[in-house]
Amino acid sequence: MRCSYFAALLGATMFFASPVVAQPTAKTYHFASLTGGSPFLTDNSNISMLLPALAEHGYRLGENLKYTPYGAEMEFERLPQMARDIAMNKIDAVVAFGYPSASAMKGTDVPTVVAFGAGDPVATGLVASLARPGGNITGISDNAVMLSAKRLDLLKRAVPHIRNIAVLWNKKDLAMTLRYRASAEAAKDLGIIVQPLGVGEPDDFADAFTAMDFQPPDGILMVSDALTVLNRKRVYDYANAHRLPAIYESDPFVKDGGLMSYGADRKESLERTASLIDRILKGGKPADLPFEEPARYLFVINLKSAKAIGLEIPAQVVALADEVIE
């Protein structure tokens, strides 16, 4: 009876005391994305893959997560001011797409995660080292030397007679210029001559196409950044009209009509980006969070595009593909 009495008394005390116990308030975290092109809205493929990855870590848009997209609309000189605006808005973390965006965020003290497209962060001076970035930036790196060699090797396997390749890249983007140089070095080992076609403005593509008319290449390698992405259909159209095989750096180009691509699995890279954001929101400092390299790479072929230019890709090359679009 005595035990029952004290149990009942304790239960009553807990019942009446519980309403006055302070309940923790869930914090709403604010993250942003920055790109040199158009702002990445929630229906953008990169953001639509990033948000579910963040949700896996407990951050859900509209609940405890706010998202603001920033984009320079190809006016790259606006990026520094956007970076300052981001810093003034007290945003908790930024996802930077491309080297110009990451470079603009450097030194703002805003924790920044490079998703992809920024090239070698050490070579461009974004960070001190991959293991210890030392500043406000960390993220996903890329192995330009390995990737360039692999892309050219796959293109030559698909089209064995290739001897000359035109390389299109944004010459105003330091990271993409370094990637072009890595491609040119890799080409030497494969006995391929590179035709360098650097572009800096949309109008420059017409000059690049004229150069290819004058000195026809056997194929095209397009280095991806905001400028080349924006003008990708012009490259597709030129390649198709001149029956030129072309290789791109990621699968969206192939799904959009390009011939083939080899590059990091974007979904996996964005999942790792989400993991880095989670660690930052939990108190981690980008200076101490090592840059990571993608763990998975995808080779994708569009056989419909191959047929359109009269190209029959060898069966053994098709067998290597992670995805074949028919």
Protein backbone atom coordinates (compact mmCIF):
# COMPACT_ATOMS: atom_id res chain seq x y z
CA MET A 1 0.00 0.00 0.00
CA ARG A 2 2.82 2.38 0.94
CA CYS A 3 4.57 1.72 -2.37
CA SER A 4 1.34 2.29 -4.28
CA TYR A 5 0.78 5.58 -2.46
CA PHE A 6 4.22 6.95 -3.31
CA ALA A 7 3.95 5.70 -6.87
CA ALA A 8 0.63 7.46 -7.28
CA LEU A 9 2.02 10.63 -5.68
CA LEU A 10 5.05 10.57 -7.98
CA GLY A 11 2.84 10.02 -11.01
CA ALA A 12 0.63 12.93 -10.03
CA THR A 13 3.65 15.16 -9.49
CA MET A 14 5.04 14.27 -12.92
CA PHE A 15 1.66 14.80 -14.54
CA PHE A 16 1.20 18.28 -13.14
CA ALA A 17 4.85 19.29 -13.48
CA SER A 18 5.36 18.32 -17.12
CA PRO A 19 3.54 21.27 -18.72
CA VAL A 20 5.98 23.77 -17.20
CA VAL A 21 9.12 21.98 -18.46
CA ALA A 22 10.64 24.01 -21.32
CA GLN A 23 10.49 22.21 -24.65
CA PRO A 24 13.50 22.62 -26.96
CA THR A 25 12.81 24.73 -30.04
CA ALA A 26 14.03 23.18 -33.28
CA LYS A 27 16.43 25.52 -35.08
CA THR A 28 15.79 26.39 -38.70
CA TYR A 29 18.99 26.22 -40.73
CA HIS A 30 19.48 28.42 -43.76
CA PHE A 31 21.56 27.25 -46.70
CA ALA A 32 22.11 28.74 -50.12
CA SER A 33 23.53 27.75 -53.48
CA LEU A 34 25.69 29.95 -55.69
CA THR A 35 26.32 29.48 -59.39
CA GLY A 36 27.60 31.59 -62.24
CA GLY A 37 24.52 30.74 -64.31
CA SER A 38 20.83 30.96 -63.46
CA PRO A 39 19.86 30.41 -59.81
CA PHE A 40 19.26 26.74 -59.01
CA LEU A 41 15.61 26.58 -57.99
CA THR A 42 14.23 23.54 -56.19
CA ASP A 43 13.28 21.91 -59.50
CA ASN A 44 16.89 22.03 -60.70
CA SER A 45 18.25 18.50 -60.99
CA ASN A 46 21.17 19.21 -58.66
CA ILE A 47 18.98 20.66 -55.92
CA SER A 48 16.31 18.00 -56.38
CA MET A 49 19.01 15.42 -55.57
CA LEU A 50 20.59 17.45 -52.77
CA LEU A 51 17.39 18.08 -50.79
CA PRO A 52 16.50 14.39 -50.24
CA ALA A 53 20.11 13.77 -49.22
CA LEU A 54 19.85 16.56 -46.64
CA ALA A 55 16.53 15.09 -45.45
CA GLU A 56 18.37 11.84 -44.71
CA HIS A 57 20.40 13.85 -42.18
CA GLY A 58 17.26 15.37 -40.65
CA TYR A 59 17.09 18.69 -42.53
CA ARG A 60 13.76 19.10 -44.30
CA LEU A 61 12.80 22.04 -46.46
CA GLY A 62 9.88 23.96 -44.96
CA GLU A 63 10.37 22.37 -41.55
CA ASN A 64 13.83 23.08 -40.18
CA LEU A 65 15.54 24.08 -43.42
CA LYS A 66 15.38 27.23 -45.54
CA TYR A 67 16.92 27.47 -48.99
CA THR A 68 17.92 30.53 -51.05
CA PRO A 69 19.36 30.21 -54.58
CA TYR A 70 21.81 32.76 -55.97
CA GLY A 71 22.93 32.91 -59.59
CA ALA A 72 24.93 35.47 -61.57
CA GLU A 73 23.09 34.81 -64.87
CA MET A 74 26.47 34.54 -66.66
CA GLU A 75 27.54 37.96 -65.35
CA PHE A 76 30.45 36.57 -63.36
CA GLU A 77 31.50 40.01 -62.13
CA ARG A 78 28.36 39.94 -59.93
CA LEU A 79 29.57 36.91 -57.96
CA PRO A 80 31.70 38.83 -55.40
CA GLN A 81 28.75 41.05 -54.48
CA MET A 82 26.49 38.00 -54.20
CA ALA A 83 29.04 36.43 -51.88
CA ARG A 84 28.97 39.56 -49.72
CA ASP A 85 25.16 39.49 -49.69
CA ILE A 86 25.26 35.87 -48.56
CA ALA A 87 27.61 36.79 -45.73
CA MET A 88 25.35 39.66 -44.64
CA ASN A 89 22.30 37.39 -44.63
CA LYS A 90 23.88 35.13 -41.97
CA ILE A 91 23.43 31.99 -44.06
CA ASP A 92 24.64 28.85 -42.26
CA ALA A 93 26.22 27.10 -45.26
CA VAL A 94 26.62 27.60 -48.99
CA VAL A 95 26.88 25.03 -51.77
CA ALA A 96 29.05 26.41 -54.57
CA PHE A 97 28.76 25.07 -58.10
CA GLY A 98 31.81 25.82 -60.24
CA TYR A 99 35.13 27.50 -59.58
CA PRO A 100 34.01 31.15 -60.04
CA SER A 101 31.32 30.69 -57.37
CA ALA A 102 33.69 28.96 -54.96
CA SER A 103 36.35 31.60 -55.56
CA ALA A 104 33.85 34.36 -54.78
CA MET A 105 32.98 32.67 -51.47
CA LYS A 106 36.62 32.31 -50.43
CA GLY A 107 37.44 34.55 -47.49
CA THR A 108 33.84 35.45 -46.66
CA ASP A 109 33.92 33.32 -43.47
CA VAL A 110 30.72 31.65 -44.67
CA PRO A 111 31.13 27.83 -44.52
CA THR A 112 31.13 26.73 -48.15
CA VAL A 113 30.92 23.28 -49.71
CA VAL A 114 31.98 22.82 -53.33
CA ALA A 115 29.55 20.33 -54.88
CA PHE A 116 31.47 19.80 -58.12
CA GLY A 117 32.73 21.63 -61.17
CA ALA A 118 35.45 23.62 -59.39
CA GLY A 119 38.37 21.57 -60.65
CA ASP A 120 41.47 20.94 -58.56
CA PRO A 121 41.01 23.18 -55.48
CA VAL A 122 44.72 23.13 -54.63
CA ALA A 123 45.92 24.01 -58.13
CA THR A 124 43.44 26.90 -58.35
CA GLY A 125 44.40 28.20 -54.91
CA LEU A 126 41.01 27.66 -53.31
CA VAL A 127 42.52 25.67 -50.45
CA ALA A 128 45.92 24.95 -48.92
CA SER A 129 45.60 21.18 -49.25
CA LEU A 130 42.94 18.54 -49.76
CA ALA A 131 43.59 17.05 -46.33
CA ARG A 132 43.47 20.37 -44.46
CA PRO A 133 41.76 23.05 -46.57
CA GLY A 134 42.60 25.72 -43.99
CA GLY A 135 39.88 28.23 -44.86
CA ASN A 136 36.11 28.43 -45.18
CA ILE A 137 35.86 26.02 -48.13
CA THR A 138 35.70 22.24 -48.38
CA GLY A 139 33.82 19.92 -50.72
CA ILE A 140 34.12 17.39 -53.50
CA SER A 141 37.24 17.50 -55.65
CA ASP A 142 37.90 15.96 -59.03
CA ASN A 143 40.88 14.15 -60.45
CA ALA A 144 41.29 16.08 -63.70
CA VAL A 145 44.31 14.09 -64.89
CA MET A 146 42.62 10.71 -64.43
CA LEU A 147 39.28 11.88 -65.81
CA SER A 148 40.77 13.55 -68.88
CA ALA A 149 42.77 10.45 -69.77
CA LYS A 150 39.75 8.20 -69.27
CA ARG A 151 37.44 10.36 -71.39
CA LEU A 152 39.86 10.48 -74.28
CA ASP A 153 40.56 6.75 -74.00
CA LEU A 154 36.83 5.94 -74.11
CA LEU A 155 36.30 8.20 -77.11
CA LYS A 156 39.19 6.56 -78.94
CA ARG A 157 37.85 3.09 -78.11
CA ALA A 158 34.46 4.08 -79.48
CA VAL A 159 36.00 5.66 -82.60
CA PRO A 160 39.43 4.03 -83.15
CA HIS A 161 40.36 6.22 -86.12
CA ILE A 162 40.34 9.43 -84.06
CA ARG A 163 43.55 11.44 -84.35
CA ASN A 164 42.49 15.05 -83.80
CA ILE A 165 40.14 16.26 -81.06
CA ALA A 166 38.77 19.76 -80.61
CA VAL A 167 38.57 20.74 -76.94
CA LEU A 168 36.00 23.38 -76.00
CA TRP A 169 36.41 25.08 -72.63
CA ASN A 170 35.79 28.38 -70.87
CA LYS A 171 39.15 30.13 -71.04
CA LYS A 172 38.02 32.68 -68.42
CA ASP A 173 37.56 29.96 -65.81
CA LEU A 174 40.91 29.03 -64.25
CA ALA A 175 39.71 25.59 -63.13
CA MET A 176 38.47 24.74 -66.61
CA THR A 177 41.69 26.01 -68.19
CA LEU A 178 43.64 23.65 -65.93
CA ARG A 179 41.30 20.85 -66.94
CA TYR A 180 41.92 21.63 -70.61
CA ARG A 181 45.67 21.43 -69.97
CA ALA A 182 45.23 18.07 -68.27
CA SER A 183 43.30 16.88 -71.33
CA ALA A 184 46.03 18.10 -73.67
CA GLU A 185 48.67 16.22 -71.66
CA ALA A 186 46.57 13.05 -71.60
CA ALA A 187 46.07 13.29 -75.36
CA LYS A 188 49.82 13.09 -75.97
CA ASP A 189 50.00 9.65 -74.39
CA LEU A 190 47.20 8.44 -76.66
CA GLY A 191 48.74 9.86 -79.81
CA ILE A 192 45.93 12.40 -80.16
CA ILE A 193 46.43 15.96 -81.38
CA VAL A 194 44.35 18.57 -79.53
CA GLN A 195 42.80 21.56 -81.24
CA PRO A 196 42.37 24.13 -78.40
CA LEU A 197 39.19 26.16 -78.69
CA GLY A 198 38.85 28.37 -75.64
CA VAL A 199 35.66 30.43 -75.39
CA GLY A 200 34.84 33.26 -73.01
CA GLU A 201 31.50 34.57 -74.26
CA PRO A 202 28.49 33.02 -76.05
CA ASP A 203 29.55 34.76 -79.28
CA ASP A 204 32.88 32.92 -79.14
CA PHE A 205 31.20 29.64 -80.02
CA ALA A 206 30.63 30.88 -83.57
CA ASP A 207 34.38 31.49 -83.86
CA ALA A 208 35.08 28.02 -82.48
CA PHE A 209 32.78 26.43 -85.04
CA THR A 210 34.45 28.45 -87.82
CA ALA A 211 37.84 27.17 -86.65
CA MET A 212 36.53 23.60 -86.82
CA ASP A 213 35.17 24.24 -90.32
CA PHE A 214 38.65 25.40 -91.39
CA GLN A 215 40.48 22.58 -89.60
CA PRO A 216 37.99 19.71 -89.15
CA PRO A 217 38.61 17.56 -86.05
CA ASP A 218 37.76 13.88 -85.73
CA GLY A 219 35.86 14.46 -82.47
CA ILE A 220 35.02 16.91 -79.69
CA LEU A 221 35.63 17.01 -75.94
CA MET A 222 33.59 19.67 -74.15
CA VAL A 223 34.72 20.80 -70.70
CA SER A 224 31.72 21.64 -68.52
CA ASP A 225 31.06 24.93 -66.78
CA ALA A 226 28.20 27.42 -66.70
CA LEU A 227 29.15 28.90 -70.10
CA THR A 228 29.47 25.64 -72.01
CA VAL A 229 26.39 24.20 -70.32
CA LEU A 230 24.37 27.21 -71.44
CA ASN A 231 25.56 26.72 -75.05
CA ARG A 232 25.52 22.92 -75.08
CA LYS A 233 22.77 22.60 -77.71
CA ARG A 234 24.86 24.59 -80.16
CA VAL A 235 27.63 22.04 -79.66
CA TYR A 236 25.20 19.13 -80.11
CA ASP A 237 23.88 20.69 -83.32
CA TYR A 238 27.36 21.27 -84.73
CA ALA A 239 28.51 17.76 -83.85
CA ASN A 240 25.41 16.21 -85.42
CA ALA A 241 25.59 18.35 -88.56
CA HIS A 242 29.24 17.40 -89.09
CA ARG A 243 28.81 13.80 -87.90
CA LEU A 244 31.39 14.30 -85.17
CA PRO A 245 31.58 12.02 -82.11
CA ALA A 246 31.73 14.03 -78.89
CA ILE A 247 32.31 13.18 -75.25
CA TYR A 248 31.06 15.25 -72.32
CA GLU A 249 31.83 15.33 -68.63
CA SER A 250 28.55 14.16 -67.08
CA ASP A 251 25.44 12.17 -67.93
CA PRO A 252 22.90 15.04 -68.23
CA PHE A 253 24.58 15.98 -71.52
CA VAL A 254 24.00 12.50 -72.91
CA LYS A 255 20.41 12.37 -71.71
CA ASP A 256 19.97 15.75 -73.38
CA GLY A 257 21.19 14.51 -76.77
CA GLY A 258 24.98 14.22 -76.51
CA LEU A 259 26.78 11.07 -77.61
CA MET A 260 28.68 9.89 -74.52
CA SER A 261 30.02 11.01 -71.15
CA TYR A 262 32.30 9.94 -68.36
CA GLY A 263 32.30 11.63 -64.99
CA ALA A 264 31.45 11.49 -61.32
CA ASP A 265 28.06 10.16 -60.31
CA ARG A 266 26.29 13.43 -59.46
CA LYS A 267 23.87 11.78 -57.05
CA GLU A 268 26.72 10.27 -55.07
CA SER A 269 28.63 13.57 -55.08
CA LEU A 270 25.58 15.47 -53.86
CA GLU A 271 24.96 12.90 -51.12
CA ARG A 272 28.50 13.49 -49.91
CA THR A 273 27.93 17.23 -50.22
CA ALA A 274 24.91 16.84 -47.93
CA SER A 275 27.06 14.92 -45.45
CA LEU A 276 29.61 17.74 -45.36
CA ILE A 277 26.84 20.31 -44.83
CA ASP A 278 25.51 18.19 -41.97
CA ARG A 279 28.94 18.14 -40.32
CA ILE A 280 29.22 21.91 -40.68
CA LEU A 281 25.76 22.54 -39.22
CA LYS A 282 26.79 20.36 -36.29
CA GLY A 283 29.83 22.53 -35.62
CA GLY A 284 32.47 21.24 -38.01
CA LYS A 285 34.83 23.76 -39.61
CA PRO A 286 35.57 23.57 -43.37
CA ALA A 287 39.22 24.26 -42.55
CA ASP A 288 39.39 20.86 -40.84
CA LEU A 289 37.11 18.88 -43.18
CA PRO A 290 39.18 17.26 -45.95
CA PHE A 291 38.13 17.60 -49.57
CA GLU A 292 36.75 14.31 -50.83
CA GLU A 293 36.97 12.69 -54.24
CA PRO A 294 33.96 11.00 -55.83
CA ALA A 295 33.80 7.27 -55.22
CA ARG A 296 31.73 6.40 -58.28
CA TYR A 297 32.07 7.37 -61.94
CA LEU A 298 29.58 6.76 -64.73
CA PHE A 299 30.11 6.00 -68.41
CA VAL A 300 26.94 6.74 -70.38
CA ILE A 301 26.25 6.24 -74.10
CA ASN A 302 23.36 7.49 -76.22
CA LEU A 303 22.92 5.01 -79.08
CA LYS A 304 20.23 7.16 -80.66
CA SER A 305 22.75 9.98 -80.99
CA ALA A 306 25.31 7.54 -82.36
CA LYS A 307 22.87 6.42 -85.03
CA ALA A 308 22.13 10.04 -85.96
CA ILE A 309 25.77 10.60 -86.96
CA GLY A 310 26.18 7.18 -88.55
CA LEU A 311 28.43 5.83 -85.84
CA GLU A 312 28.39 2.20 -84.75
CA ILE A 313 30.00 1.96 -81.34
CA PRO A 314 31.83 -1.36 -80.83
CA ALA A 315 29.92 -3.85 -78.68
CA GLN A 316 32.81 -4.17 -76.24
CA VAL A 317 32.64 -0.41 -75.59
CA VAL A 318 28.87 -0.47 -75.14
CA ALA A 319 29.38 -3.29 -72.62
CA LEU A 320 31.53 -0.96 -70.52
CA ALA A 321 28.72 1.58 -70.12
CA ASP A 322 26.91 2.05 -66.82
CA GLU A 323 23.89 3.28 -68.76
CA VAL A 324 22.90 2.96 -72.42
CA ILE A 325 20.22 5.24 -73.80
CA GLU A 326 18.40 3.78 -76.78
